[in-house]
Amino acid sequence: MLNWLVGSFELFGVTIQNWMLVIGGGAVVGILAGGALGDALLHRGRLNGRILVSAVGAAGATLLFIPALLTHSIVTAVPYVAVAALALSAQQAPLNAARLDVIPGPLWGRAEGIRTVLRTGAQAVAPLLFGLMSDAVGLQWTFLVMLVPLAAGSIYLFKGLKTYPRDIATAAACGGIRA
């Protein structure tokens, strides 16, 4: 994102650092607010509150990144990117908590091991794929194309709203298993 901002709007030095503070601040607020909101919804009886926060965050980030990437003004791009960063990061804490909700406690170690391998592999390959795509179609189009998996993830999360309470109940019923 930093390279896109610098390249698109010819920003340098202190100016870009100030804009990155605004965007980073949005991300930090999103992490803290998303976790708190997901927990608050759960405590108010909304069993799928964590998934709802994550689904809305992913959908909101997708929708907010589009105008940010298509604008020609830094003054309009940065607010969109900052709020998109807030929405994108708001899904992290609720999803991490939800993951533990639907996995029986005795299986957390194995589940986390598998998740870590998959996540590390994806994080290792992502810069290469992103760079290859960026070289082929340009940075702006690469960012726009990368919104497709984010949008698909939000759709998947919205569909998960229906099954999540049942998934929690199943995990709770299996909580004492010996694996």
N, C-alpha and C. Protein backbone atom coordinates (compact mmCIF):
# COMPACT_ATOMS: atom_id res chain seq x y z
N MET A 1 0.83 -1.18 0.00
CA MET A 1 0.00 0.00 0.00
C MET A 1 0.88 1.25 0.00
N LEU A 2 1.96 1.21 0.76
CA LEU A 2 2.87 2.36 0.82
C LEU A 2 3.41 2.68 -0.56
N ASN A 3 3.86 1.65 -1.30
CA ASN A 3 4.39 1.88 -2.64
C ASN A 3 3.33 2.47 -3.56
N TRP A 4 2.10 2.01 -3.43
CA TRP A 4 1.02 2.54 -4.25
C TRP A 4 0.77 4.01 -3.93
N LEU A 5 0.72 4.36 -2.64
CA LEU A 5 0.52 5.76 -2.26
C LEU A 5 1.64 6.65 -2.78
N VAL A 6 2.87 6.20 -2.60
CA VAL A 6 4.03 7.00 -3.06
C VAL A 6 3.99 7.14 -4.58
N GLY A 7 3.77 6.04 -5.28
CA GLY A 7 3.77 6.07 -6.74
C GLY A 7 2.59 6.82 -7.34
N SER A 8 1.42 6.65 -6.75
CA SER A 8 0.22 7.27 -7.30
C SER A 8 0.14 8.76 -7.03
N PHE A 9 0.64 9.17 -5.88
CA PHE A 9 0.45 10.56 -5.48
C PHE A 9 1.76 11.32 -5.29
N GLU A 10 2.87 10.68 -5.67
CA GLU A 10 4.19 11.31 -5.60
C GLU A 10 4.46 11.93 -4.23
N LEU A 11 4.29 11.10 -3.21
CA LEU A 11 4.53 11.54 -1.83
C LEU A 11 5.89 11.06 -1.37
N PHE A 12 6.52 11.84 -0.52
CA PHE A 12 7.84 11.47 -0.03
C PHE A 12 7.99 11.94 1.42
N GLY A 13 8.97 11.36 2.10
CA GLY A 13 9.41 11.84 3.40
C GLY A 13 8.34 11.91 4.46
N VAL A 14 8.30 13.04 5.13
CA VAL A 14 7.42 13.24 6.28
C VAL A 14 5.95 13.15 5.87
N THR A 15 5.61 13.61 4.68
CA THR A 15 4.22 13.58 4.24
C THR A 15 3.69 12.15 4.22
N ILE A 16 4.42 11.25 3.61
CA ILE A 16 3.96 9.86 3.54
C ILE A 16 3.94 9.23 4.93
N GLN A 17 4.89 9.58 5.77
CA GLN A 17 4.91 9.04 7.14
C GLN A 17 3.67 9.48 7.91
N ASN A 18 3.27 10.71 7.74
CA ASN A 18 2.07 11.21 8.43
C ASN A 18 0.82 10.48 7.95
N TRP A 19 0.71 10.27 6.63
CA TRP A 19 -0.44 9.55 6.11
C TRP A 19 -0.44 8.09 6.59
N MET A 20 0.73 7.48 6.68
CA MET A 20 0.80 6.10 7.15
C MET A 20 0.41 6.00 8.62
N LEU A 21 0.70 7.03 9.40
CA LEU A 21 0.25 7.03 10.80
C LEU A 21 -1.26 7.04 10.89
N VAL A 22 -1.90 7.79 10.01
CA VAL A 22 -3.37 7.84 9.99
C VAL A 22 -3.92 6.45 9.63
N ILE A 23 -3.36 5.85 8.60
CA ILE A 23 -3.82 4.53 8.15
C ILE A 23 -3.53 3.47 9.22
N GLY A 24 -2.33 3.50 9.78
CA GLY A 24 -1.98 2.55 10.85
C GLY A 24 -2.85 2.73 12.08
N GLY A 25 -3.17 3.98 12.40
CA GLY A 25 -4.07 4.25 13.53
C GLY A 25 -5.44 3.64 13.30
N GLY A 26 -5.92 3.72 12.07
CA GLY A 26 -7.20 3.08 11.74
C GLY A 26 -7.15 1.59 11.95
N ALA A 27 -6.04 0.97 11.59
CA ALA A 27 -5.90 -0.47 11.76
C ALA A 27 -5.88 -0.86 13.24
N VAL A 28 -5.17 -0.10 14.06
CA VAL A 28 -5.11 -0.40 15.49
C VAL A 28 -6.49 -0.26 16.13
N VAL A 29 -7.19 0.80 15.78
CA VAL A 29 -8.55 1.00 16.30
C VAL A 29 -9.44 -0.16 15.87
N GLY A 30 -9.29 -0.60 14.63
CA GLY A 30 -10.10 -1.71 14.14
C GLY A 30 -9.87 -2.99 14.91
N ILE A 31 -8.62 -3.30 15.20
CA ILE A 31 -8.31 -4.52 15.96
C ILE A 31 -8.99 -4.49 17.32
N LEU A 32 -8.81 -3.39 18.02
CA LEU A 32 -9.37 -3.29 19.37
C LEU A 32 -10.89 -3.23 19.36
N ALA A 33 -11.45 -2.45 18.45
CA ALA A 33 -12.90 -2.30 18.40
C ALA A 33 -13.57 -3.58 17.91
N GLY A 34 -12.98 -4.26 16.94
CA GLY A 34 -13.57 -5.49 16.42
C GLY A 34 -13.67 -6.57 17.48
N GLY A 35 -12.61 -6.74 18.24
CA GLY A 35 -12.64 -7.73 19.32
C GLY A 35 -13.67 -7.40 20.37
N ALA A 36 -13.70 -6.13 20.78
CA ALA A 36 -14.66 -5.70 21.80
C ALA A 36 -16.10 -5.83 21.31
N LEU A 37 -16.34 -5.44 20.07
CA LEU A 37 -17.69 -5.52 19.53
C LEU A 37 -18.15 -6.97 19.39
N GLY A 38 -17.27 -7.84 18.90
CA GLY A 38 -17.64 -9.25 18.79
C GLY A 38 -17.98 -9.86 20.14
N ASP A 39 -17.18 -9.55 21.16
CA ASP A 39 -17.46 -10.05 22.51
C ASP A 39 -18.75 -9.46 23.07
N ALA A 40 -18.97 -8.17 22.83
CA ALA A 40 -20.18 -7.52 23.34
C ALA A 40 -21.43 -8.15 22.74
N LEU A 41 -21.40 -8.41 21.44
CA LEU A 41 -22.55 -9.06 20.80
C LEU A 41 -22.77 -10.46 21.37
N LEU A 42 -21.70 -11.19 21.61
CA LEU A 42 -21.80 -12.52 22.19
C LEU A 42 -22.42 -12.46 23.58
N HIS A 43 -21.97 -11.51 24.39
CA HIS A 43 -22.49 -11.38 25.75
C HIS A 43 -23.94 -10.90 25.78
N ARG A 44 -24.40 -10.29 24.69
CA ARG A 44 -25.81 -9.86 24.60
C ARG A 44 -26.69 -10.95 24.00
N GLY A 45 -26.14 -12.14 23.83
CA GLY A 45 -26.93 -13.26 23.35
C GLY A 45 -26.86 -13.50 21.85
N ARG A 46 -26.08 -12.73 21.15
CA ARG A 46 -25.93 -12.93 19.70
C ARG A 46 -24.78 -13.91 19.47
N LEU A 47 -25.10 -15.21 19.41
CA LEU A 47 -24.06 -16.23 19.34
C LEU A 47 -23.15 -16.09 18.13
N ASN A 48 -23.67 -15.56 17.05
CA ASN A 48 -22.84 -15.41 15.86
C ASN A 48 -22.30 -13.99 15.73
N GLY A 49 -22.24 -13.25 16.83
CA GLY A 49 -21.75 -11.87 16.81
C GLY A 49 -20.33 -11.73 16.31
N ARG A 50 -19.47 -12.66 16.68
CA ARG A 50 -18.07 -12.59 16.22
C ARG A 50 -17.98 -12.76 14.71
N ILE A 51 -18.78 -13.66 14.18
CA ILE A 51 -18.78 -13.88 12.74
C ILE A 51 -19.40 -12.68 12.03
N LEU A 52 -20.43 -12.10 12.62
CA LEU A 52 -21.06 -10.92 12.03
C LEU A 52 -20.08 -9.76 11.93
N VAL A 53 -19.34 -9.50 13.00
CA VAL A 53 -18.35 -8.42 12.98
C VAL A 53 -17.32 -8.69 11.88
N SER A 54 -16.87 -9.92 11.77
CA SER A 54 -15.87 -10.26 10.77
C SER A 54 -16.42 -10.15 9.35
N ALA A 55 -17.64 -10.60 9.15
CA ALA A 55 -18.26 -10.54 7.82
C ALA A 55 -18.45 -9.09 7.38
N VAL A 56 -18.96 -8.28 8.28
CA VAL A 56 -19.18 -6.86 7.95
C VAL A 56 -17.83 -6.17 7.73
N GLY A 57 -16.83 -6.51 8.53
CA GLY A 57 -15.50 -5.93 8.35
C GLY A 57 -14.90 -6.26 7.00
N ALA A 58 -15.00 -7.52 6.59
CA ALA A 58 -14.45 -7.93 5.29
C ALA A 58 -15.21 -7.26 4.14
N ALA A 59 -16.53 -7.23 4.24
CA ALA A 59 -17.33 -6.59 3.18
C ALA A 59 -17.05 -5.09 3.13
N GLY A 60 -16.99 -4.47 4.31
CA GLY A 60 -16.72 -3.03 4.37
C GLY A 60 -15.36 -2.69 3.81
N ALA A 61 -14.35 -3.48 4.16
CA ALA A 61 -13.00 -3.23 3.64
C ALA A 61 -12.99 -3.34 2.12
N THR A 62 -13.65 -4.36 1.60
CA THR A 62 -13.70 -4.53 0.14
C THR A 62 -14.31 -3.30 -0.52
N LEU A 63 -15.45 -2.87 -0.01
CA LEU A 63 -16.15 -1.73 -0.61
C LEU A 63 -15.37 -0.42 -0.45
N LEU A 64 -14.67 -0.26 0.66
CA LEU A 64 -13.93 0.98 0.90
C LEU A 64 -12.62 1.06 0.13
N PHE A 65 -11.99 -0.08 -0.13
CA PHE A 65 -10.74 -0.06 -0.88
C PHE A 65 -10.97 0.31 -2.35
N ILE A 66 -12.13 -0.01 -2.90
CA ILE A 66 -12.38 0.27 -4.32
C ILE A 66 -12.27 1.77 -4.63
N PRO A 67 -13.02 2.65 -3.95
CA PRO A 67 -12.86 4.08 -4.27
C PRO A 67 -11.47 4.60 -3.91
N ALA A 68 -10.86 4.05 -2.88
CA ALA A 68 -9.51 4.48 -2.51
C ALA A 68 -8.53 4.21 -3.64
N LEU A 69 -8.67 3.06 -4.29
CA LEU A 69 -7.75 2.68 -5.36
C LEU A 69 -8.06 3.37 -6.68
N LEU A 70 -9.27 3.87 -6.83
CA LEU A 70 -9.66 4.50 -8.09
C LEU A 70 -9.57 6.03 -8.06
N THR A 71 -9.40 6.60 -6.89
CA THR A 71 -9.34 8.06 -6.80
C THR A 71 -7.99 8.60 -7.28
N HIS A 72 -7.98 9.86 -7.62
CA HIS A 72 -6.76 10.51 -8.08
C HIS A 72 -6.28 11.57 -7.09
N SER A 73 -6.86 11.57 -5.90
CA SER A 73 -6.52 12.57 -4.90
C SER A 73 -6.13 11.91 -3.59
N ILE A 74 -5.00 12.30 -3.06
CA ILE A 74 -4.55 11.76 -1.78
C ILE A 74 -5.53 12.14 -0.67
N VAL A 75 -6.14 13.30 -0.79
CA VAL A 75 -7.06 13.78 0.24
C VAL A 75 -8.29 12.87 0.33
N THR A 76 -8.71 12.30 -0.78
CA THR A 76 -9.84 11.36 -0.72
C THR A 76 -9.38 9.92 -0.53
N ALA A 77 -8.19 9.59 -1.01
CA ALA A 77 -7.72 8.20 -0.89
C ALA A 77 -7.44 7.81 0.55
N VAL A 78 -6.73 8.66 1.28
CA VAL A 78 -6.29 8.28 2.63
C VAL A 78 -7.46 8.02 3.58
N PRO A 79 -8.50 8.85 3.62
CA PRO A 79 -9.61 8.50 4.51
C PRO A 79 -10.25 7.14 4.16
N TYR A 80 -10.41 6.88 2.87
CA TYR A 80 -10.95 5.57 2.48
C TYR A 80 -10.02 4.44 2.92
N VAL A 81 -8.73 4.61 2.71
CA VAL A 81 -7.77 3.56 3.09
C VAL A 81 -7.74 3.39 4.60
N ALA A 82 -7.79 4.49 5.35
CA ALA A 82 -7.76 4.40 6.81
C ALA A 82 -8.99 3.66 7.35
N VAL A 83 -10.16 3.98 6.83
CA VAL A 83 -11.37 3.30 7.29
C VAL A 83 -11.39 1.85 6.78
N ALA A 84 -10.87 1.63 5.57
CA ALA A 84 -10.77 0.26 5.06
C ALA A 84 -9.82 -0.56 5.93
N ALA A 85 -8.71 0.05 6.35
CA ALA A 85 -7.77 -0.65 7.24
C ALA A 85 -8.44 -0.97 8.57
N LEU A 86 -9.25 -0.04 9.07
CA LEU A 86 -10.00 -0.28 10.30
C LEU A 86 -10.93 -1.48 10.10
N ALA A 87 -11.69 -1.48 9.02
CA ALA A 87 -12.64 -2.57 8.76
C ALA A 87 -11.91 -3.90 8.55
N LEU A 88 -10.81 -3.86 7.80
CA LEU A 88 -10.05 -5.08 7.53
C LEU A 88 -9.49 -5.67 8.82
N SER A 89 -8.94 -4.83 9.67
CA SER A 89 -8.34 -5.34 10.90
C SER A 89 -9.39 -5.67 11.96
N ALA A 90 -10.58 -5.10 11.84
CA ALA A 90 -11.64 -5.38 12.82
C ALA A 90 -12.06 -6.84 12.81
N GLN A 91 -11.80 -7.53 11.74
CA GLN A 91 -12.22 -8.94 11.67
C GLN A 91 -11.22 -9.88 12.33
N GLN A 92 -10.02 -9.44 12.58
CA GLN A 92 -8.97 -10.34 13.07
C GLN A 92 -9.26 -10.94 14.45
N ALA A 93 -9.49 -10.09 15.44
CA ALA A 93 -9.72 -10.59 16.80
C ALA A 93 -10.97 -11.46 16.90
N PRO A 94 -12.10 -11.05 16.31
CA PRO A 94 -13.28 -11.92 16.40
C PRO A 94 -13.07 -13.27 15.70
N LEU A 95 -12.36 -13.27 14.57
CA LEU A 95 -12.11 -14.54 13.88
C LEU A 95 -11.20 -15.44 14.70
N ASN A 96 -10.19 -14.87 15.33
CA ASN A 96 -9.31 -15.68 16.17
C ASN A 96 -10.08 -16.29 17.34
N ALA A 97 -10.96 -15.50 17.95
CA ALA A 97 -11.78 -16.01 19.06
C ALA A 97 -12.77 -17.06 18.55
N ALA A 98 -13.37 -16.80 17.39
CA ALA A 98 -14.35 -17.75 16.84
C ALA A 98 -13.70 -19.08 16.51
N ARG A 99 -12.48 -19.03 16.05
CA ARG A 99 -11.77 -20.27 15.73
C ARG A 99 -11.68 -21.16 16.96
N LEU A 100 -11.41 -20.56 18.12
CA LEU A 100 -11.33 -21.34 19.35
C LEU A 100 -12.70 -21.79 19.83
N ASP A 101 -13.75 -21.03 19.47
CA ASP A 101 -15.11 -21.41 19.86
C ASP A 101 -15.56 -22.71 19.20
N VAL A 102 -15.10 -22.96 17.99
CA VAL A 102 -15.63 -24.10 17.23
C VAL A 102 -14.70 -25.31 17.20
N ILE A 103 -13.59 -25.22 17.93
CA ILE A 103 -12.68 -26.35 18.02
C ILE A 103 -12.65 -26.82 19.47
N PRO A 104 -12.92 -28.10 19.71
CA PRO A 104 -12.87 -28.58 21.09
C PRO A 104 -11.48 -28.34 21.70
N GLY A 105 -11.47 -27.96 22.96
CA GLY A 105 -10.24 -27.63 23.66
C GLY A 105 -9.11 -28.63 23.50
N PRO A 106 -9.38 -29.92 23.62
CA PRO A 106 -8.29 -30.89 23.50
C PRO A 106 -7.63 -30.93 22.11
N LEU A 107 -8.26 -30.30 21.12
CA LEU A 107 -7.71 -30.31 19.76
C LEU A 107 -7.06 -28.98 19.38
N TRP A 108 -7.02 -28.01 20.29
CA TRP A 108 -6.48 -26.68 19.96
C TRP A 108 -5.03 -26.76 19.48
N GLY A 109 -4.22 -27.56 20.10
CA GLY A 109 -2.81 -27.64 19.72
C GLY A 109 -2.64 -28.10 18.28
N ARG A 110 -3.32 -29.17 17.92
CA ARG A 110 -3.23 -29.68 16.55
C ARG A 110 -3.82 -28.68 15.55
N ALA A 111 -4.95 -28.12 15.93
CA ALA A 111 -5.61 -27.15 15.03
C ALA A 111 -4.71 -25.94 14.80
N GLU A 112 -4.10 -25.44 15.86
CA GLU A 112 -3.21 -24.29 15.73
C GLU A 112 -1.97 -24.65 14.92
N GLY A 113 -1.48 -25.86 15.07
CA GLY A 113 -0.34 -26.30 14.27
C GLY A 113 -0.66 -26.30 12.78
N ILE A 114 -1.80 -26.86 12.44
CA ILE A 114 -2.22 -26.89 11.03
C ILE A 114 -2.45 -25.48 10.51
N ARG A 115 -3.14 -24.65 11.29
CA ARG A 115 -3.40 -23.26 10.89
C ARG A 115 -2.09 -22.51 10.68
N THR A 116 -1.14 -22.72 11.56
CA THR A 116 0.14 -22.02 11.46
C THR A 116 0.89 -22.43 10.20
N VAL A 117 0.90 -23.72 9.88
CA VAL A 117 1.56 -24.18 8.66
C VAL A 117 0.91 -23.56 7.43
N LEU A 118 -0.41 -23.61 7.38
CA LEU A 118 -1.12 -23.05 6.22
C LEU A 118 -0.90 -21.54 6.11
N ARG A 119 -1.01 -20.84 7.23
CA ARG A 119 -0.84 -19.39 7.21
C ARG A 119 0.59 -19.00 6.84
N THR A 120 1.57 -19.68 7.41
CA THR A 120 2.97 -19.38 7.10
C THR A 120 3.26 -19.64 5.63
N GLY A 121 2.74 -20.73 5.11
CA GLY A 121 2.93 -21.02 3.68
C GLY A 121 2.31 -19.95 2.80
N ALA A 122 1.10 -19.54 3.13
CA ALA A 122 0.44 -18.49 2.35
C ALA A 122 1.20 -17.17 2.45
N GLN A 123 1.68 -16.84 3.64
CA GLN A 123 2.44 -15.60 3.82
C GLN A 123 3.78 -15.66 3.09
N ALA A 124 4.35 -16.83 2.95
CA ALA A 124 5.62 -16.96 2.25
C ALA A 124 5.45 -16.80 0.74
N VAL A 125 4.36 -17.31 0.20
CA VAL A 125 4.12 -17.27 -1.24
C VAL A 125 3.48 -15.95 -1.69
N ALA A 126 2.74 -15.30 -0.81
CA ALA A 126 1.98 -14.10 -1.18
C ALA A 126 2.83 -12.99 -1.79
N PRO A 127 3.98 -12.62 -1.21
CA PRO A 127 4.76 -11.53 -1.82
C PRO A 127 5.22 -11.86 -3.24
N LEU A 128 5.60 -13.11 -3.47
CA LEU A 128 6.03 -13.52 -4.81
C LEU A 128 4.88 -13.38 -5.80
N LEU A 129 3.72 -13.93 -5.45
CA LEU A 129 2.57 -13.85 -6.34
C LEU A 129 2.12 -12.41 -6.56
N PHE A 130 2.13 -11.62 -5.48
CA PHE A 130 1.74 -10.22 -5.58
C PHE A 130 2.71 -9.48 -6.50
N GLY A 131 4.00 -9.72 -6.34
CA GLY A 131 5.00 -9.08 -7.18
C GLY A 131 4.88 -9.47 -8.65
N LEU A 132 4.66 -10.76 -8.91
CA LEU A 132 4.49 -11.21 -10.29
C LEU A 132 3.27 -10.57 -10.93
N MET A 133 2.19 -10.52 -10.18
CA MET A 133 0.98 -9.91 -10.72
C MET A 133 1.18 -8.41 -10.94
N SER A 134 1.83 -7.77 -9.98
CA SER A 134 2.09 -6.33 -10.09
C SER A 134 2.96 -6.02 -11.31
N ASP A 135 3.95 -6.85 -11.56
CA ASP A 135 4.79 -6.66 -12.75
C ASP A 135 3.98 -6.83 -14.03
N ALA A 136 3.01 -7.73 -13.99
CA ALA A 136 2.23 -8.03 -15.19
C ALA A 136 1.15 -6.99 -15.47
N VAL A 137 0.44 -6.54 -14.43
CA VAL A 137 -0.72 -5.65 -14.68
C VAL A 137 -0.63 -4.31 -13.97
N GLY A 138 0.38 -4.10 -13.15
CA GLY A 138 0.50 -2.84 -12.42
C GLY A 138 -0.03 -2.96 -11.01
N LEU A 139 0.44 -2.07 -10.16
CA LEU A 139 0.12 -2.13 -8.74
C LEU A 139 -1.36 -1.86 -8.45
N GLN A 140 -1.94 -0.88 -9.12
CA GLN A 140 -3.34 -0.54 -8.86
C GLN A 140 -4.25 -1.72 -9.21
N TRP A 141 -4.05 -2.34 -10.37
CA TRP A 141 -4.88 -3.47 -10.76
C TRP A 141 -4.65 -4.67 -9.86
N THR A 142 -3.42 -4.84 -9.40
CA THR A 142 -3.12 -5.95 -8.49
C THR A 142 -3.92 -5.79 -7.20
N PHE A 143 -3.91 -4.58 -6.64
CA PHE A 143 -4.70 -4.35 -5.43
C PHE A 143 -6.19 -4.60 -5.69
N LEU A 144 -6.69 -4.15 -6.82
CA LEU A 144 -8.11 -4.36 -7.13
C LEU A 144 -8.44 -5.84 -7.27
N VAL A 145 -7.56 -6.59 -7.95
CA VAL A 145 -7.80 -8.03 -8.11
C VAL A 145 -7.75 -8.74 -6.76
N MET A 146 -6.88 -8.29 -5.87
CA MET A 146 -6.76 -8.92 -4.56
C MET A 146 -7.99 -8.67 -3.68
N LEU A 147 -8.86 -7.78 -4.10
CA LEU A 147 -10.11 -7.58 -3.37
C LEU A 147 -11.10 -8.72 -3.62
N VAL A 148 -10.91 -9.46 -4.70
CA VAL A 148 -11.82 -10.57 -5.01
C VAL A 148 -11.80 -11.64 -3.91
N PRO A 149 -10.62 -12.11 -3.46
CA PRO A 149 -10.65 -13.07 -2.35
C PRO A 149 -11.21 -12.49 -1.06
N LEU A 150 -10.99 -11.20 -0.84
CA LEU A 150 -11.56 -10.57 0.36
C LEU A 150 -13.08 -10.55 0.28
N ALA A 151 -13.60 -10.21 -0.89
CA ALA A 151 -15.06 -10.23 -1.08
C ALA A 151 -15.61 -11.65 -0.93
N ALA A 152 -14.90 -12.62 -1.49
CA ALA A 152 -15.34 -14.02 -1.36
C ALA A 152 -15.32 -14.45 0.10
N GLY A 153 -14.31 -14.01 0.83
CA GLY A 153 -14.26 -14.33 2.26
C GLY A 153 -15.43 -13.74 3.02
N SER A 154 -15.83 -12.53 2.65
CA SER A 154 -16.97 -11.92 3.35
C SER A 154 -18.25 -12.69 3.05
N ILE A 155 -18.41 -13.14 1.82
CA ILE A 155 -19.59 -13.94 1.47
C ILE A 155 -19.59 -15.25 2.27
N TYR A 156 -18.45 -15.88 2.35
CA TYR A 156 -18.30 -17.11 3.13
C TYR A 156 -18.66 -16.87 4.60
N LEU A 157 -18.21 -15.75 5.15
CA LEU A 157 -18.51 -15.42 6.55
C LEU A 157 -20.00 -15.16 6.74
N PHE A 158 -20.63 -14.46 5.81
CA PHE A 158 -22.07 -14.23 5.92
C PHE A 158 -22.83 -15.55 5.89
N LYS A 159 -22.39 -16.49 5.06
CA LYS A 159 -23.02 -17.81 5.04
C LYS A 159 -22.78 -18.55 6.35
N GLY A 160 -21.63 -18.32 6.97
CA GLY A 160 -21.31 -18.97 8.24
C GLY A 160 -22.15 -18.50 9.40
N LEU A 161 -22.83 -17.36 9.24
CA LEU A 161 -23.70 -16.87 10.32
C LEU A 161 -24.77 -17.90 10.67
N LYS A 162 -25.22 -18.66 9.68
CA LYS A 162 -26.29 -19.63 9.89
C LYS A 162 -25.80 -20.85 10.69
N THR A 163 -24.58 -21.28 10.45
CA THR A 163 -24.11 -22.52 11.06
C THR A 163 -23.28 -22.32 12.32
N TYR A 164 -22.81 -21.12 12.56
CA TYR A 164 -21.89 -20.89 13.67
C TYR A 164 -22.47 -21.28 15.04
N PRO A 165 -23.72 -20.92 15.38
CA PRO A 165 -24.25 -21.37 16.69
C PRO A 165 -24.25 -22.89 16.83
N ARG A 166 -24.57 -23.60 15.78
CA ARG A 166 -24.55 -25.06 15.81
C ARG A 166 -23.11 -25.56 15.95
N ASP A 167 -22.18 -24.90 15.28
CA ASP A 167 -20.77 -25.29 15.37
C ASP A 167 -20.25 -25.11 16.80
N ILE A 168 -20.66 -24.04 17.46
CA ILE A 168 -20.26 -23.81 18.85
C ILE A 168 -20.81 -24.93 19.74
N ALA A 169 -22.08 -25.25 19.54
CA ALA A 169 -22.71 -26.30 20.35
C ALA A 169 -22.03 -27.65 20.13
N THR A 170 -21.67 -27.94 18.90
CA THR A 170 -20.99 -29.20 18.61
C THR A 170 -19.63 -29.25 19.30
N ALA A 171 -18.88 -28.16 19.22
CA ALA A 171 -17.57 -28.11 19.88
C ALA A 171 -17.71 -28.24 21.39
N ALA A 172 -18.74 -27.59 21.94
CA ALA A 172 -18.95 -27.67 23.40
C ALA A 172 -19.31 -29.10 23.81
N ALA A 173 -20.12 -29.76 22.99
CA ALA A 173 -20.52 -31.14 23.30
C ALA A 173 -19.32 -32.08 23.21
N CYS A 174 -18.36 -31.76 22.38
CA CYS A 174 -17.17 -32.60 22.21
C CYS A 174 -16.02 -32.16 23.10
N GLY A 175 -16.26 -31.16 23.93
CA GLY A 175 -15.18 -30.55 24.72
C GLY A 175 -14.38 -31.51 25.57
N GLY A 176 -14.98 -32.58 26.00
CA GLY A 176 -14.27 -33.49 26.88
C GLY A 176 -13.65 -34.67 26.16
N ILE A 177 -13.59 -34.63 24.86
CA ILE A 177 -13.08 -35.78 24.12
C ILE A 177 -11.60 -35.99 24.42
N ARG A 178 -11.16 -37.18 24.27
CA ARG A 178 -9.75 -37.52 24.40
C ARG A 178 -9.26 -37.93 23.02
N ALA A 179 -8.41 -37.09 22.46
CA ALA A 179 -7.95 -37.40 21.10
C ALA A 179 -6.50 -37.81 21.10
